[in-house]
Amino acid sequence: MLYDLIIVGDKVKAVGKCRQCKKEYETKPFTHSAYLDWKRGLTPIQNTLLGKELEAHDREFLISGISPVGWSQLDI
């Protein structure tokens, strides 16, 4: 797994090393049930509560394991 889910109150956050820059990154807290709906393929990530709770860079980390710093290092 690219990251671990850490419980924060009634939500969770993803914490892990960026696949590109290898620095630790953590998302803002989000609803675990929305995360599970996305992981199970029930809804696209931007259409779940994650889309409302998280900014694009946090959703991208969940999808790819690459943080904003890591993306800035890529020459694309």
N, C-alpha and C. Protein backbone atom coordinates (compact mmCIF):
# COMPACT_ATOMS: atom_id res chain seq x y z
N MET A 1 0.85 -1.18 0.00
CA MET A 1 0.00 0.00 0.00
C MET A 1 0.90 1.24 0.00
N LEU A 2 0.45 2.24 -0.69
CA LEU A 2 1.22 3.48 -0.83
C LEU A 2 1.20 4.33 0.43
N TYR A 3 0.17 4.15 1.24
CA TYR A 3 -0.01 4.99 2.42
C TYR A 3 -0.81 4.22 3.46
N ASP A 4 -0.77 4.72 4.68
CA ASP A 4 -1.58 4.18 5.77
C ASP A 4 -2.71 5.14 6.06
N LEU A 5 -3.83 4.61 6.51
CA LEU A 5 -4.93 5.45 6.97
C LEU A 5 -4.83 5.58 8.48
N ILE A 6 -4.82 6.82 8.95
CA ILE A 6 -4.68 7.13 10.37
C ILE A 6 -6.00 7.73 10.85
N ILE A 7 -6.52 7.24 11.95
CA ILE A 7 -7.78 7.76 12.50
C ILE A 7 -7.53 9.12 13.13
N VAL A 8 -8.40 10.07 12.76
CA VAL A 8 -8.36 11.43 13.32
C VAL A 8 -9.80 11.78 13.71
N GLY A 9 -10.12 11.58 14.97
CA GLY A 9 -11.49 11.83 15.42
C GLY A 9 -12.44 10.86 14.74
N ASP A 10 -13.44 11.41 14.04
CA ASP A 10 -14.40 10.56 13.33
C ASP A 10 -14.04 10.41 11.85
N LYS A 11 -12.84 10.82 11.47
CA LYS A 11 -12.38 10.72 10.09
C LYS A 11 -11.04 9.99 10.04
N VAL A 12 -10.48 9.90 8.85
CA VAL A 12 -9.14 9.32 8.67
C VAL A 12 -8.34 10.25 7.77
N LYS A 13 -7.02 10.07 7.77
CA LYS A 13 -6.17 10.77 6.82
C LYS A 13 -5.17 9.76 6.29
N ALA A 14 -4.68 10.00 5.09
CA ALA A 14 -3.68 9.14 4.48
C ALA A 14 -2.30 9.71 4.75
N VAL A 15 -1.37 8.84 5.18
CA VAL A 15 0.00 9.25 5.48
C VAL A 15 0.93 8.24 4.82
N GLY A 16 1.87 8.75 4.03
CA GLY A 16 2.82 7.86 3.39
C GLY A 16 3.90 8.63 2.66
N LYS A 17 4.89 7.89 2.16
CA LYS A 17 5.98 8.50 1.40
C LYS A 17 5.57 8.68 -0.05
N CYS A 18 5.87 9.84 -0.57
CA CYS A 18 5.62 10.14 -1.97
C CYS A 18 6.44 9.18 -2.84
N ARG A 19 5.84 8.63 -3.87
CA ARG A 19 6.54 7.71 -4.77
C ARG A 19 7.62 8.41 -5.58
N GLN A 20 7.52 9.72 -5.74
CA GLN A 20 8.48 10.47 -6.55
C GLN A 20 9.62 11.05 -5.70
N CYS A 21 9.27 11.88 -4.72
CA CYS A 21 10.30 12.58 -3.94
C CYS A 21 10.71 11.86 -2.66
N LYS A 22 9.94 10.84 -2.29
CA LYS A 22 10.22 10.00 -1.10
C LYS A 22 10.02 10.73 0.23
N LYS A 23 9.45 11.93 0.21
CA LYS A 23 9.17 12.66 1.45
C LYS A 23 7.79 12.25 1.96
N GLU A 24 7.64 12.25 3.29
CA GLU A 24 6.35 11.90 3.86
C GLU A 24 5.33 12.99 3.55
N TYR A 25 4.11 12.53 3.27
CA TYR A 25 3.02 13.44 2.95
C TYR A 25 1.78 12.95 3.68
N GLU A 26 0.92 13.88 4.09
CA GLU A 26 -0.35 13.49 4.67
C GLU A 26 -1.46 14.37 4.13
N THR A 27 -2.60 13.75 3.91
CA THR A 27 -3.76 14.47 3.41
C THR A 27 -4.50 15.12 4.57
N LYS A 28 -5.44 15.96 4.23
CA LYS A 28 -6.39 16.45 5.22
C LYS A 28 -7.29 15.28 5.62
N PRO A 29 -7.92 15.33 6.78
CA PRO A 29 -8.85 14.27 7.18
C PRO A 29 -10.06 14.19 6.22
N PHE A 30 -10.55 12.95 6.06
CA PHE A 30 -11.70 12.71 5.19
C PHE A 30 -12.54 11.57 5.74
N THR A 31 -13.75 11.41 5.21
CA THR A 31 -14.69 10.40 5.66
C THR A 31 -14.28 9.02 5.16
N HIS A 32 -14.13 8.09 6.09
CA HIS A 32 -13.69 6.74 5.74
C HIS A 32 -14.68 6.02 4.83
N SER A 33 -15.97 6.18 5.07
CA SER A 33 -16.96 5.50 4.24
C SER A 33 -16.90 5.98 2.79
N ALA A 34 -16.64 7.26 2.57
CA ALA A 34 -16.49 7.77 1.21
C ALA A 34 -15.26 7.17 0.54
N TYR A 35 -14.18 7.04 1.31
CA TYR A 35 -12.96 6.41 0.80
C TYR A 35 -13.25 4.97 0.37
N LEU A 36 -13.98 4.24 1.22
CA LEU A 36 -14.30 2.85 0.88
C LEU A 36 -15.17 2.75 -0.36
N ASP A 37 -16.13 3.66 -0.51
CA ASP A 37 -16.96 3.68 -1.73
C ASP A 37 -16.10 3.86 -2.97
N TRP A 38 -15.14 4.76 -2.89
CA TRP A 38 -14.23 4.97 -4.02
C TRP A 38 -13.37 3.74 -4.28
N LYS A 39 -12.77 3.18 -3.23
CA LYS A 39 -11.89 2.02 -3.39
C LYS A 39 -12.64 0.81 -3.94
N ARG A 40 -13.90 0.68 -3.60
CA ARG A 40 -14.72 -0.45 -4.09
C ARG A 40 -15.23 -0.21 -5.50
N GLY A 41 -14.95 0.98 -6.04
CA GLY A 41 -15.39 1.30 -7.40
C GLY A 41 -16.85 1.70 -7.51
N LEU A 42 -17.45 2.06 -6.39
CA LEU A 42 -18.85 2.44 -6.40
C LEU A 42 -19.08 3.85 -6.95
N THR A 43 -18.11 4.74 -6.71
CA THR A 43 -18.22 6.10 -7.21
C THR A 43 -16.84 6.64 -7.56
N PRO A 44 -16.75 7.51 -8.58
CA PRO A 44 -15.46 8.15 -8.87
C PRO A 44 -15.04 9.02 -7.67
N ILE A 45 -13.75 9.15 -7.48
CA ILE A 45 -13.23 9.88 -6.32
C ILE A 45 -13.74 11.31 -6.25
N GLN A 46 -13.88 11.98 -7.39
CA GLN A 46 -14.33 13.37 -7.36
C GLN A 46 -15.83 13.48 -7.09
N ASN A 47 -16.57 12.37 -7.20
CA ASN A 47 -18.01 12.40 -6.95
C ASN A 47 -18.39 11.94 -5.56
N THR A 48 -17.46 11.38 -4.80
CA THR A 48 -17.75 10.97 -3.43
C THR A 48 -17.60 12.17 -2.51
N LEU A 49 -17.81 11.95 -1.25
CA LEU A 49 -17.54 13.01 -0.28
C LEU A 49 -16.09 13.45 -0.34
N LEU A 50 -15.21 12.54 -0.80
CA LEU A 50 -13.80 12.92 -0.92
C LEU A 50 -13.64 14.13 -1.84
N GLY A 51 -14.46 14.20 -2.86
CA GLY A 51 -14.38 15.31 -3.80
C GLY A 51 -14.72 16.64 -3.14
N LYS A 52 -15.55 16.58 -2.11
CA LYS A 52 -15.92 17.81 -1.40
C LYS A 52 -15.00 18.07 -0.21
N GLU A 53 -14.45 17.01 0.37
CA GLU A 53 -13.61 17.15 1.56
C GLU A 53 -12.15 17.44 1.23
N LEU A 54 -11.69 16.92 0.11
CA LEU A 54 -10.27 17.02 -0.23
C LEU A 54 -10.04 17.85 -1.47
N GLU A 55 -8.94 18.56 -1.49
CA GLU A 55 -8.54 19.29 -2.69
C GLU A 55 -7.92 18.31 -3.67
N ALA A 56 -7.75 18.74 -4.90
CA ALA A 56 -7.27 17.87 -5.97
C ALA A 56 -5.92 17.22 -5.64
N HIS A 57 -5.01 17.97 -5.00
CA HIS A 57 -3.69 17.39 -4.73
C HIS A 57 -3.76 16.25 -3.71
N ASP A 58 -4.69 16.32 -2.76
CA ASP A 58 -4.86 15.22 -1.81
C ASP A 58 -5.50 14.02 -2.49
N ARG A 59 -6.49 14.26 -3.35
CA ARG A 59 -7.09 13.15 -4.10
C ARG A 59 -6.06 12.50 -5.00
N GLU A 60 -5.20 13.29 -5.61
CA GLU A 60 -4.16 12.74 -6.48
C GLU A 60 -3.19 11.87 -5.70
N PHE A 61 -2.87 12.25 -4.47
CA PHE A 61 -2.01 11.42 -3.64
C PHE A 61 -2.67 10.07 -3.36
N LEU A 62 -3.98 10.07 -3.09
CA LEU A 62 -4.69 8.81 -2.87
C LEU A 62 -4.65 7.94 -4.12
N ILE A 63 -4.76 8.55 -5.28
CA ILE A 63 -4.79 7.80 -6.54
C ILE A 63 -3.41 7.29 -6.93
N SER A 64 -2.42 8.16 -6.93
CA SER A 64 -1.12 7.84 -7.51
C SER A 64 0.01 7.64 -6.50
N GLY A 65 -0.17 8.16 -5.28
CA GLY A 65 0.92 8.11 -4.31
C GLY A 65 1.96 9.20 -4.52
N ILE A 66 1.63 10.18 -5.37
CA ILE A 66 2.56 11.27 -5.64
C ILE A 66 2.03 12.56 -5.00
N SER A 67 2.88 13.20 -4.21
CA SER A 67 2.51 14.43 -3.51
C SER A 67 2.68 15.64 -4.43
N PRO A 68 2.21 16.81 -3.99
CA PRO A 68 2.42 18.02 -4.79
C PRO A 68 3.91 18.28 -5.06
N VAL A 69 4.77 18.07 -4.07
CA VAL A 69 6.21 18.26 -4.28
C VAL A 69 6.71 17.27 -5.34
N GLY A 70 6.27 16.03 -5.26
CA GLY A 70 6.66 15.03 -6.24
C GLY A 70 6.23 15.40 -7.65
N TRP A 71 5.00 15.89 -7.79
CA TRP A 71 4.53 16.31 -9.11
C TRP A 71 5.36 17.45 -9.66
N SER A 72 5.79 18.37 -8.78
CA SER A 72 6.59 19.50 -9.26
C SER A 72 7.96 19.05 -9.77
N GLN A 73 8.42 17.89 -9.34
CA GLN A 73 9.71 17.37 -9.77
C GLN A 73 9.63 16.65 -11.12
N LEU A 74 8.43 16.24 -11.50
CA LEU A 74 8.26 15.52 -12.76
C LEU A 74 8.34 16.49 -13.94
N ASP A 75 9.00 16.10 -14.95
CA ASP A 75 9.15 16.93 -16.15
C ASP A 75 8.13 16.48 -17.19
N ILE A 76 6.87 16.96 -17.01
CA ILE A 76 5.81 16.58 -17.95
C ILE A 76 5.13 17.79 -18.51
